[in-house]
mmCIF file of all heavy atoms, coordinates in Angstrom:
data_MODEL
# 
_entry.id   MODEL 
# 
loop_
_atom_site.group_PDB 
_atom_site.id 
_atom_site.type_symbol 
_atom_site.label_atom_id 
_atom_site.label_alt_id 
_atom_site.label_comp_id 
_atom_site.label_asym_id 
_atom_site.label_entity_id 
_atom_site.label_seq_id 
_atom_site.pdbx_PDB_ins_code 
_atom_site.Cartn_x 
_atom_site.Cartn_y 
_atom_site.Cartn_z 
_atom_site.occupancy 
_atom_site.B_iso_or_equiv 
_atom_site.pdbx_formal_charge 
_atom_site.auth_seq_id 
_atom_site.auth_comp_id 
_atom_site.auth_asym_id 
_atom_site.auth_atom_id 
_atom_site.pdbx_PDB_model_num 
ATOM 1   N N   . ASN A 1 1  ? -7.639  4.867   -7.585  1.00 0.00 ? 1  ASN A N   1 
ATOM 2   C CA  . ASN A 1 1  ? -6.244  5.247   -7.361  1.00 0.00 ? 1  ASN A CA  1 
ATOM 3   C C   . ASN A 1 1  ? -6.205  5.899   -5.968  1.00 0.00 ? 1  ASN A C   1 
ATOM 4   O O   . ASN A 1 1  ? -5.261  5.654   -5.144  1.00 0.00 ? 1  ASN A O   1 
ATOM 5   C CB  . ASN A 1 1  ? -5.714  6.104   -8.414  1.00 0.00 ? 1  ASN A CB  1 
ATOM 6   C CG  . ASN A 1 1  ? -5.483  5.234   -9.655  1.00 0.00 ? 1  ASN A CG  1 
ATOM 7   O OD1 . ASN A 1 1  ? -5.385  4.025   -9.665  1.00 0.00 ? 1  ASN A OD1 1 
ATOM 8   N ND2 . ASN A 1 1  ? -5.347  5.932   -10.811 1.00 0.00 ? 1  ASN A ND2 1 
ATOM 9   N N   . LYS A 1 2  ? -7.153  6.774   -5.717  1.00 0.00 ? 2  LYS A N   1 
ATOM 10  C CA  . LYS A 1 2  ? -7.116  7.522   -4.449  1.00 0.00 ? 2  LYS A CA  1 
ATOM 11  C C   . LYS A 1 2  ? -7.285  6.606   -3.243  1.00 0.00 ? 2  LYS A C   1 
ATOM 12  O O   . LYS A 1 2  ? -6.555  6.702   -2.160  1.00 0.00 ? 2  LYS A O   1 
ATOM 13  C CB  . LYS A 1 2  ? -8.209  8.668   -4.491  1.00 0.00 ? 2  LYS A CB  1 
ATOM 14  C CG  . LYS A 1 2  ? -8.280  9.579   -3.134  1.00 0.00 ? 2  LYS A CG  1 
ATOM 15  C CD  . LYS A 1 2  ? -9.344  10.533  -3.304  1.00 0.00 ? 2  LYS A CD  1 
ATOM 16  C CE  . LYS A 1 2  ? -9.429  11.399  -2.025  1.00 0.00 ? 2  LYS A CE  1 
ATOM 17  N NZ  . LYS A 1 2  ? -10.480 12.397  -2.029  1.00 0.00 ? 2  LYS A NZ  1 
ATOM 18  N N   . ASN A 1 3  ? -8.235  5.669   -3.433  1.00 0.00 ? 3  ASN A N   1 
ATOM 19  C CA  . ASN A 1 3  ? -8.541  4.750   -2.402  1.00 0.00 ? 3  ASN A CA  1 
ATOM 20  C C   . ASN A 1 3  ? -7.348  3.777   -2.200  1.00 0.00 ? 3  ASN A C   1 
ATOM 21  O O   . ASN A 1 3  ? -7.034  3.409   -0.944  1.00 0.00 ? 3  ASN A O   1 
ATOM 22  C CB  . ASN A 1 3  ? -9.726  3.851   -2.688  1.00 0.00 ? 3  ASN A CB  1 
ATOM 23  C CG  . ASN A 1 3  ? -11.031 4.652   -2.606  1.00 0.00 ? 3  ASN A CG  1 
ATOM 24  O OD1 . ASN A 1 3  ? -11.059 5.760   -2.120  1.00 0.00 ? 3  ASN A OD1 1 
ATOM 25  N ND2 . ASN A 1 3  ? -12.151 4.138   -3.126  1.00 0.00 ? 3  ASN A ND2 1 
ATOM 26  N N   . MET A 1 4  ? -6.642  3.414   -3.180  1.00 0.00 ? 4  MET A N   1 
ATOM 27  C CA  . MET A 1 4  ? -5.476  2.575   -3.072  1.00 0.00 ? 4  MET A CA  1 
ATOM 28  C C   . MET A 1 4  ? -4.356  3.224   -2.276  1.00 0.00 ? 4  MET A C   1 
ATOM 29  O O   . MET A 1 4  ? -3.782  2.647   -1.385  1.00 0.00 ? 4  MET A O   1 
ATOM 30  C CB  . MET A 1 4  ? -4.997  2.103   -4.446  1.00 0.00 ? 4  MET A CB  1 
ATOM 31  C CG  . MET A 1 4  ? -5.803  1.062   -5.180  1.00 0.00 ? 4  MET A CG  1 
ATOM 32  S SD  . MET A 1 4  ? -4.960  0.101   -6.546  1.00 0.00 ? 4  MET A SD  1 
ATOM 33  C CE  . MET A 1 4  ? -4.666  1.363   -7.628  1.00 0.00 ? 4  MET A CE  1 
ATOM 34  N N   . GLU A 1 5  ? -4.227  4.502   -2.469  1.00 0.00 ? 5  GLU A N   1 
ATOM 35  C CA  . GLU A 1 5  ? -3.212  5.275   -1.737  1.00 0.00 ? 5  GLU A CA  1 
ATOM 36  C C   . GLU A 1 5  ? -3.501  5.238   -0.292  1.00 0.00 ? 5  GLU A C   1 
ATOM 37  O O   . GLU A 1 5  ? -2.672  5.148   0.601   1.00 0.00 ? 5  GLU A O   1 
ATOM 38  C CB  . GLU A 1 5  ? -2.972  6.636   -2.368  1.00 0.00 ? 5  GLU A CB  1 
ATOM 39  C CG  . GLU A 1 5  ? -2.287  6.690   -3.729  1.00 0.00 ? 5  GLU A CG  1 
ATOM 40  C CD  . GLU A 1 5  ? -0.976  5.913   -3.729  1.00 0.00 ? 5  GLU A CD  1 
ATOM 41  O OE1 . GLU A 1 5  ? -0.098  6.231   -2.836  1.00 0.00 ? 5  GLU A OE1 1 
ATOM 42  O OE2 . GLU A 1 5  ? -0.831  5.145   -4.566  1.00 0.00 ? 5  GLU A OE2 1 
ATOM 43  N N   . ALA A 1 6  ? -4.779  5.469   -0.014  1.00 0.00 ? 6  ALA A N   1 
ATOM 44  C CA  . ALA A 1 6  ? -5.196  5.498   1.385   1.00 0.00 ? 6  ALA A CA  1 
ATOM 45  C C   . ALA A 1 6  ? -5.097  4.135   1.995   1.00 0.00 ? 6  ALA A C   1 
ATOM 46  O O   . ALA A 1 6  ? -4.659  3.965   3.175   1.00 0.00 ? 6  ALA A O   1 
ATOM 47  C CB  . ALA A 1 6  ? -6.741  5.920   1.420   1.00 0.00 ? 6  ALA A CB  1 
ATOM 48  N N   . ALA A 1 7  ? -5.328  3.016   1.254   1.00 0.00 ? 7  ALA A N   1 
ATOM 49  C CA  . ALA A 1 7  ? -5.225  1.720   1.720   1.00 0.00 ? 7  ALA A CA  1 
ATOM 50  C C   . ALA A 1 7  ? -3.787  1.416   2.045   1.00 0.00 ? 7  ALA A C   1 
ATOM 51  O O   . ALA A 1 7  ? -3.443  0.716   3.030   1.00 0.00 ? 7  ALA A O   1 
ATOM 52  C CB  . ALA A 1 7  ? -5.802  0.672   0.739   1.00 0.00 ? 7  ALA A CB  1 
ATOM 53  N N   . LYS A 1 8  ? -2.863  1.834   1.211   1.00 0.00 ? 8  LYS A N   1 
ATOM 54  C CA  . LYS A 1 8  ? -1.435  1.556   1.340   1.00 0.00 ? 8  LYS A CA  1 
ATOM 55  C C   . LYS A 1 8  ? -0.954  2.188   2.770   1.00 0.00 ? 8  LYS A C   1 
ATOM 56  O O   . LYS A 1 8  ? -0.124  1.627   3.401   1.00 0.00 ? 8  LYS A O   1 
ATOM 57  C CB  . LYS A 1 8  ? -0.555  2.247   0.269   1.00 0.00 ? 8  LYS A CB  1 
ATOM 58  C CG  . LYS A 1 8  ? -0.606  1.428   -1.035  1.00 0.00 ? 8  LYS A CG  1 
ATOM 59  C CD  . LYS A 1 8  ? 0.192   2.114   -2.170  1.00 0.00 ? 8  LYS A CD  1 
ATOM 60  C CE  . LYS A 1 8  ? 0.043   1.525   -3.494  1.00 0.00 ? 8  LYS A CE  1 
ATOM 61  N NZ  . LYS A 1 8  ? 0.815   2.268   -4.475  1.00 0.00 ? 8  LYS A NZ  1 
ATOM 62  N N   . ALA A 1 9  ? -1.560  3.407   2.996   1.00 0.00 ? 9  ALA A N   1 
ATOM 63  C CA  . ALA A 1 9  ? -1.153  4.046   4.232   1.00 0.00 ? 9  ALA A CA  1 
ATOM 64  C C   . ALA A 1 9  ? -1.484  3.293   5.565   1.00 0.00 ? 9  ALA A C   1 
ATOM 65  O O   . ALA A 1 9  ? -1.016  3.611   6.570   1.00 0.00 ? 9  ALA A O   1 
ATOM 66  C CB  . ALA A 1 9  ? -1.708  5.485   4.280   1.00 0.00 ? 9  ALA A CB  1 
ATOM 67  N N   . THR A 1 10 ? -2.429  2.293   5.475   1.00 0.00 ? 10 THR A N   1 
ATOM 68  C CA  . THR A 1 10 ? -2.897  1.702   6.545   1.00 0.00 ? 10 THR A CA  1 
ATOM 69  C C   . THR A 1 10 ? -1.944  0.442   6.916   1.00 0.00 ? 10 THR A C   1 
ATOM 70  O O   . THR A 1 10 ? -2.133  -0.170  7.858   1.00 0.00 ? 10 THR A O   1 
ATOM 71  C CB  . THR A 1 10 ? -4.319  1.044   6.393   1.00 0.00 ? 10 THR A CB  1 
ATOM 72  O OG1 . THR A 1 10 ? -4.288  0.086   5.364   1.00 0.00 ? 10 THR A OG1 1 
ATOM 73  C CG2 . THR A 1 10 ? -5.258  2.179   6.001   1.00 0.00 ? 10 THR A CG2 1 
ATOM 74  N N   . ILE A 1 11 ? -1.053  0.094   6.049   1.00 0.00 ? 11 ILE A N   1 
ATOM 75  C CA  . ILE A 1 11 ? -0.157  -1.066  6.173   1.00 0.00 ? 11 ILE A CA  1 
ATOM 76  C C   . ILE A 1 11 ? 1.167   -0.687  6.664   1.00 0.00 ? 11 ILE A C   1 
ATOM 77  O O   . ILE A 1 11 ? 1.888   0.166   6.080   1.00 0.00 ? 11 ILE A O   1 
ATOM 78  C CB  . ILE A 1 11 ? 0.009   -1.753  4.822   1.00 0.00 ? 11 ILE A CB  1 
ATOM 79  C CG1 . ILE A 1 11 ? -1.356  -2.193  4.296   1.00 0.00 ? 11 ILE A CG1 1 
ATOM 80  C CG2 . ILE A 1 11 ? 0.988   -2.945  4.848   1.00 0.00 ? 11 ILE A CG2 1 
ATOM 81  C CD1 . ILE A 1 11 ? -1.383  -2.755  2.965   1.00 0.00 ? 11 ILE A CD1 1 
ATOM 82  N N   . LYS A 1 12 ? 1.519   -1.127  7.799   1.00 0.00 ? 12 LYS A N   1 
ATOM 83  C CA  . LYS A 1 12 ? 2.780   -0.847  8.458   1.00 0.00 ? 12 LYS A CA  1 
ATOM 84  C C   . LYS A 1 12 ? 3.942   -1.656  7.779   1.00 0.00 ? 12 LYS A C   1 
ATOM 85  O O   . LYS A 1 12 ? 3.840   -2.897  7.463   1.00 0.00 ? 12 LYS A O   1 
ATOM 86  C CB  . LYS A 1 12 ? 2.823   -1.342  9.882   1.00 0.00 ? 12 LYS A CB  1 
ATOM 87  C CG  . LYS A 1 12 ? 4.007   -0.905  10.691  1.00 0.00 ? 12 LYS A CG  1 
ATOM 88  C CD  . LYS A 1 12 ? 3.915   -1.354  12.138  1.00 0.00 ? 12 LYS A CD  1 
ATOM 89  C CE  . LYS A 1 12 ? 5.176   -0.920  12.967  1.00 0.00 ? 12 LYS A CE  1 
ATOM 90  N NZ  . LYS A 1 12 ? 5.119   -1.338  14.344  1.00 0.00 ? 12 LYS A NZ  1 
ATOM 91  N N   . LEU A 1 13 ? 5.046   -0.900  7.388   1.00 0.00 ? 13 LEU A N   1 
ATOM 92  C CA  . LEU A 1 13 ? 6.063   -1.433  6.609   1.00 0.00 ? 13 LEU A CA  1 
ATOM 93  C C   . LEU A 1 13 ? 7.450   -1.262  7.326   1.00 0.00 ? 13 LEU A C   1 
ATOM 94  O O   . LEU A 1 13 ? 7.611   -0.317  8.015   1.00 0.00 ? 13 LEU A O   1 
ATOM 95  C CB  . LEU A 1 13 ? 6.167   -0.811  5.267   1.00 0.00 ? 13 LEU A CB  1 
ATOM 96  C CG  . LEU A 1 13 ? 4.930   -1.027  4.253   1.00 0.00 ? 13 LEU A CG  1 
ATOM 97  C CD1 . LEU A 1 13 ? 5.166   -0.201  3.082   1.00 0.00 ? 13 LEU A CD1 1 
ATOM 98  C CD2 . LEU A 1 13 ? 4.737   -2.462  3.863   1.00 0.00 ? 13 LEU A CD2 1 
ATOM 99  N N   . GLU A 1 14 ? 8.427   -2.202  7.131   1.00 0.00 ? 14 GLU A N   1 
ATOM 100 C CA  . GLU A 1 14 ? 9.749   -1.923  7.453   1.00 0.00 ? 14 GLU A CA  1 
ATOM 101 C C   . GLU A 1 14 ? 10.432  -0.989  6.426   1.00 0.00 ? 14 GLU A C   1 
ATOM 102 O O   . GLU A 1 14 ? 9.857   -0.916  5.298   1.00 0.00 ? 14 GLU A O   1 
ATOM 103 C CB  . GLU A 1 14 ? 10.467  -3.276  7.593   1.00 0.00 ? 14 GLU A CB  1 
ATOM 104 C CG  . GLU A 1 14 ? 9.946   -4.276  8.555   1.00 0.00 ? 14 GLU A CG  1 
ATOM 105 C CD  . GLU A 1 14 ? 10.077  -3.864  9.980   1.00 0.00 ? 14 GLU A CD  1 
ATOM 106 O OE1 . GLU A 1 14 ? 10.956  -2.985  10.192  1.00 0.00 ? 14 GLU A OE1 1 
ATOM 107 O OE2 . GLU A 1 14 ? 9.394   -4.411  10.816  1.00 0.00 ? 14 GLU A OE2 1 
ATOM 108 N N   . PRO A 1 15 ? 11.547  -0.396  6.794   1.00 0.00 ? 15 PRO A N   1 
ATOM 109 C CA  . PRO A 1 15 ? 12.174  0.581   5.890   1.00 0.00 ? 15 PRO A CA  1 
ATOM 110 C C   . PRO A 1 15 ? 12.567  -0.046  4.533   1.00 0.00 ? 15 PRO A C   1 
ATOM 111 O O   . PRO A 1 15 ? 12.602  0.675   3.442   1.00 0.00 ? 15 PRO A O   1 
ATOM 112 C CB  . PRO A 1 15 ? 13.331  1.063   6.612   1.00 0.00 ? 15 PRO A CB  1 
ATOM 113 C CG  . PRO A 1 15 ? 13.156  0.836   8.092   1.00 0.00 ? 15 PRO A CG  1 
ATOM 114 C CD  . PRO A 1 15 ? 12.164  -0.365  8.056   1.00 0.00 ? 15 PRO A CD  1 
ATOM 115 N N   . TYR A 1 16 ? 12.805  -1.332  4.475   1.00 0.00 ? 16 TYR A N   1 
ATOM 116 C CA  . TYR A 1 16 ? 13.223  -2.113  3.310   1.00 0.00 ? 16 TYR A CA  1 
ATOM 117 C C   . TYR A 1 16 ? 12.038  -2.784  2.570   1.00 0.00 ? 16 TYR A C   1 
ATOM 118 O O   . TYR A 1 16 ? 12.247  -3.519  1.614   1.00 0.00 ? 16 TYR A O   1 
ATOM 119 C CB  . TYR A 1 16 ? 14.278  -3.115  3.550   1.00 0.00 ? 16 TYR A CB  1 
ATOM 120 C CG  . TYR A 1 16 ? 13.941  -3.942  4.839   1.00 0.00 ? 16 TYR A CG  1 
ATOM 121 C CD1 . TYR A 1 16 ? 13.136  -5.085  4.544   1.00 0.00 ? 16 TYR A CD1 1 
ATOM 122 C CD2 . TYR A 1 16 ? 14.366  -3.627  6.081   1.00 0.00 ? 16 TYR A CD2 1 
ATOM 123 C CE1 . TYR A 1 16 ? 12.746  -5.911  5.615   1.00 0.00 ? 16 TYR A CE1 1 
ATOM 124 C CE2 . TYR A 1 16 ? 14.023  -4.451  7.175   1.00 0.00 ? 16 TYR A CE2 1 
ATOM 125 C CZ  . TYR A 1 16 ? 13.285  -5.514  6.933   1.00 0.00 ? 16 TYR A CZ  1 
ATOM 126 O OH  . TYR A 1 16 ? 12.901  -6.344  8.046   1.00 0.00 ? 16 TYR A OH  1 
ATOM 127 N N   . GLN A 1 17 ? 10.753  -2.438  3.002   1.00 0.00 ? 17 GLN A N   1 
ATOM 128 C CA  . GLN A 1 17 ? 9.721   -2.990  2.324   1.00 0.00 ? 17 GLN A CA  1 
ATOM 129 C C   . GLN A 1 17 ? 8.897   -1.923  1.579   1.00 0.00 ? 17 GLN A C   1 
ATOM 130 O O   . GLN A 1 17 ? 8.999   -0.770  1.711   1.00 0.00 ? 17 GLN A O   1 
ATOM 131 C CB  . GLN A 1 17 ? 8.792   -3.663  3.344   1.00 0.00 ? 17 GLN A CB  1 
ATOM 132 C CG  . GLN A 1 17 ? 9.322   -4.931  4.039   1.00 0.00 ? 17 GLN A CG  1 
ATOM 133 C CD  . GLN A 1 17 ? 8.413   -5.422  5.046   1.00 0.00 ? 17 GLN A CD  1 
ATOM 134 O OE1 . GLN A 1 17 ? 7.664   -4.695  5.808   1.00 0.00 ? 17 GLN A OE1 1 
ATOM 135 N NE2 . GLN A 1 17 ? 8.453   -6.786  5.294   1.00 0.00 ? 17 GLN A NE2 1 
ATOM 136 N N   . LYS A 1 18 ? 8.067   -2.447  0.635   1.00 0.00 ? 18 LYS A N   1 
ATOM 137 C CA  . LYS A 1 18 ? 7.082   -1.606  -0.051  1.00 0.00 ? 18 LYS A CA  1 
ATOM 138 C C   . LYS A 1 18 ? 5.753   -2.396  -0.243  1.00 0.00 ? 18 LYS A C   1 
ATOM 139 O O   . LYS A 1 18 ? 5.740   -3.657  -0.036  1.00 0.00 ? 18 LYS A O   1 
ATOM 140 C CB  . LYS A 1 18 ? 7.654   -1.188  -1.401  1.00 0.00 ? 18 LYS A CB  1 
ATOM 141 C CG  . LYS A 1 18 ? 7.799   -2.343  -2.430  1.00 0.00 ? 18 LYS A CG  1 
ATOM 142 C CD  . LYS A 1 18 ? 8.410   -1.872  -3.801  1.00 0.00 ? 18 LYS A CD  1 
ATOM 143 C CE  . LYS A 1 18 ? 8.609   -3.065  -4.730  1.00 0.00 ? 18 LYS A CE  1 
ATOM 144 N NZ  . LYS A 1 18 ? 9.171   -2.659  -5.976  1.00 0.00 ? 18 LYS A NZ  1 
ATOM 145 N N   . VAL A 1 19 ? 4.674   -1.711  -0.510  1.00 0.00 ? 19 VAL A N   1 
ATOM 146 C CA  . VAL A 1 19 ? 3.383   -2.387  -0.783  1.00 0.00 ? 19 VAL A CA  1 
ATOM 147 C C   . VAL A 1 19 ? 2.920   -1.951  -2.189  1.00 0.00 ? 19 VAL A C   1 
ATOM 148 O O   . VAL A 1 19 ? 3.049   -0.779  -2.592  1.00 0.00 ? 19 VAL A O   1 
ATOM 149 C CB  . VAL A 1 19 ? 2.351   -1.990  0.269   1.00 0.00 ? 19 VAL A CB  1 
ATOM 150 C CG1 . VAL A 1 19 ? 2.105   -0.471  0.390   1.00 0.00 ? 19 VAL A CG1 1 
ATOM 151 C CG2 . VAL A 1 19 ? 0.990   -2.665  -0.017  1.00 0.00 ? 19 VAL A CG2 1 
ATOM 152 N N   . VAL A 1 20 ? 2.478   -2.934  -2.906  1.00 0.00 ? 20 VAL A N   1 
ATOM 153 C CA  . VAL A 1 20 ? 1.834   -2.787  -4.209  1.00 0.00 ? 20 VAL A CA  1 
ATOM 154 C C   . VAL A 1 20 ? 0.495   -3.362  -4.277  1.00 0.00 ? 20 VAL A C   1 
ATOM 155 O O   . VAL A 1 20 ? 0.167   -4.471  -3.825  1.00 0.00 ? 20 VAL A O   1 
ATOM 156 C CB  . VAL A 1 20 ? 2.685   -3.476  -5.391  1.00 0.00 ? 20 VAL A CB  1 
ATOM 157 C CG1 . VAL A 1 20 ? 2.006   -3.342  -6.656  1.00 0.00 ? 20 VAL A CG1 1 
ATOM 158 C CG2 . VAL A 1 20 ? 4.022   -2.850  -5.412  1.00 0.00 ? 20 VAL A CG2 1 
ATOM 159 N N   . ILE A 1 21 ? -0.498  -2.549  -4.740  1.00 0.00 ? 21 ILE A N   1 
ATOM 160 C CA  . ILE A 1 21 ? -1.906  -3.078  -4.715  1.00 0.00 ? 21 ILE A CA  1 
ATOM 161 C C   . ILE A 1 21 ? -2.243  -3.373  -6.212  1.00 0.00 ? 21 ILE A C   1 
ATOM 162 O O   . ILE A 1 21 ? -2.097  -2.558  -7.081  1.00 0.00 ? 21 ILE A O   1 
ATOM 163 C CB  . ILE A 1 21 ? -2.887  -2.065  -4.142  1.00 0.00 ? 21 ILE A CB  1 
ATOM 164 C CG1 . ILE A 1 21 ? -2.614  -1.878  -2.667  1.00 0.00 ? 21 ILE A CG1 1 
ATOM 165 C CG2 . ILE A 1 21 ? -4.376  -2.479  -4.334  1.00 0.00 ? 21 ILE A CG2 1 
ATOM 166 C CD1 . ILE A 1 21 ? -3.517  -0.947  -1.922  1.00 0.00 ? 21 ILE A CD1 1 
ATOM 167 N N   . LYS A 1 22 ? -2.732  -4.526  -6.427  1.00 0.00 ? 22 LYS A N   1 
ATOM 168 C CA  . LYS A 1 22 ? -3.177  -4.983  -7.783  1.00 0.00 ? 22 LYS A CA  1 
ATOM 169 C C   . LYS A 1 22 ? -4.579  -5.487  -7.819  1.00 0.00 ? 22 LYS A C   1 
ATOM 170 O O   . LYS A 1 22 ? -4.974  -6.123  -6.850  1.00 0.00 ? 22 LYS A O   1 
ATOM 171 C CB  . LYS A 1 22 ? -2.277  -6.071  -8.368  1.00 0.00 ? 22 LYS A CB  1 
ATOM 172 C CG  . LYS A 1 22 ? -0.795  -5.555  -8.650  1.00 0.00 ? 22 LYS A CG  1 
ATOM 173 C CD  . LYS A 1 22 ? -0.744  -4.676  -9.869  1.00 0.00 ? 22 LYS A CD  1 
ATOM 174 C CE  . LYS A 1 22 ? 0.648   -4.215  -10.171 1.00 0.00 ? 22 LYS A CE  1 
ATOM 175 N NZ  . LYS A 1 22 ? 0.601   -3.328  -11.291 1.00 0.00 ? 22 LYS A NZ  1 
ATOM 176 N N   . SER A 1 23 ? -5.200  -5.346  -8.923  1.00 0.00 ? 23 SER A N   1 
ATOM 177 C CA  . SER A 1 23 ? -6.589  -5.816  -9.144  1.00 0.00 ? 23 SER A CA  1 
ATOM 178 C C   . SER A 1 23 ? -6.553  -7.286  -9.619  1.00 0.00 ? 23 SER A C   1 
ATOM 179 O O   . SER A 1 23 ? -5.635  -7.622  -10.391 1.00 0.00 ? 23 SER A O   1 
ATOM 180 C CB  . SER A 1 23 ? -7.418  -5.039  -10.111 1.00 0.00 ? 23 SER A CB  1 
ATOM 181 O OG  . SER A 1 23 ? -6.897  -5.045  -11.432 1.00 0.00 ? 23 SER A OG  1 
ATOM 182 N N   . MET A 1 24 ? -7.503  -8.114  -9.179  1.00 0.00 ? 24 MET A N   1 
ATOM 183 C CA  . MET A 1 24 ? -7.686  -9.445  -9.732  1.00 0.00 ? 24 MET A CA  1 
ATOM 184 C C   . MET A 1 24 ? -9.052  -9.623  -10.092 1.00 0.00 ? 24 MET A C   1 
ATOM 185 O O   . MET A 1 24 ? -9.978  -8.873  -9.774  1.00 0.00 ? 24 MET A O   1 
ATOM 186 C CB  . MET A 1 24 ? -7.367  -10.512 -8.602  1.00 0.00 ? 24 MET A CB  1 
ATOM 187 C CG  . MET A 1 24 ? -5.970  -10.400 -8.054  1.00 0.00 ? 24 MET A CG  1 
ATOM 188 S SD  . MET A 1 24 ? -4.703  -10.973 -9.113  1.00 0.00 ? 24 MET A SD  1 
ATOM 189 C CE  . MET A 1 24 ? -3.266  -10.166 -8.390  1.00 0.00 ? 24 MET A CE  1 
# 
């Protein structure tokens, strides 16, 4: 969970976007 939050922070987003990380 900690790594996923750090990974999210590396992705540039527009104000109307979000990022979700899921396992496969």
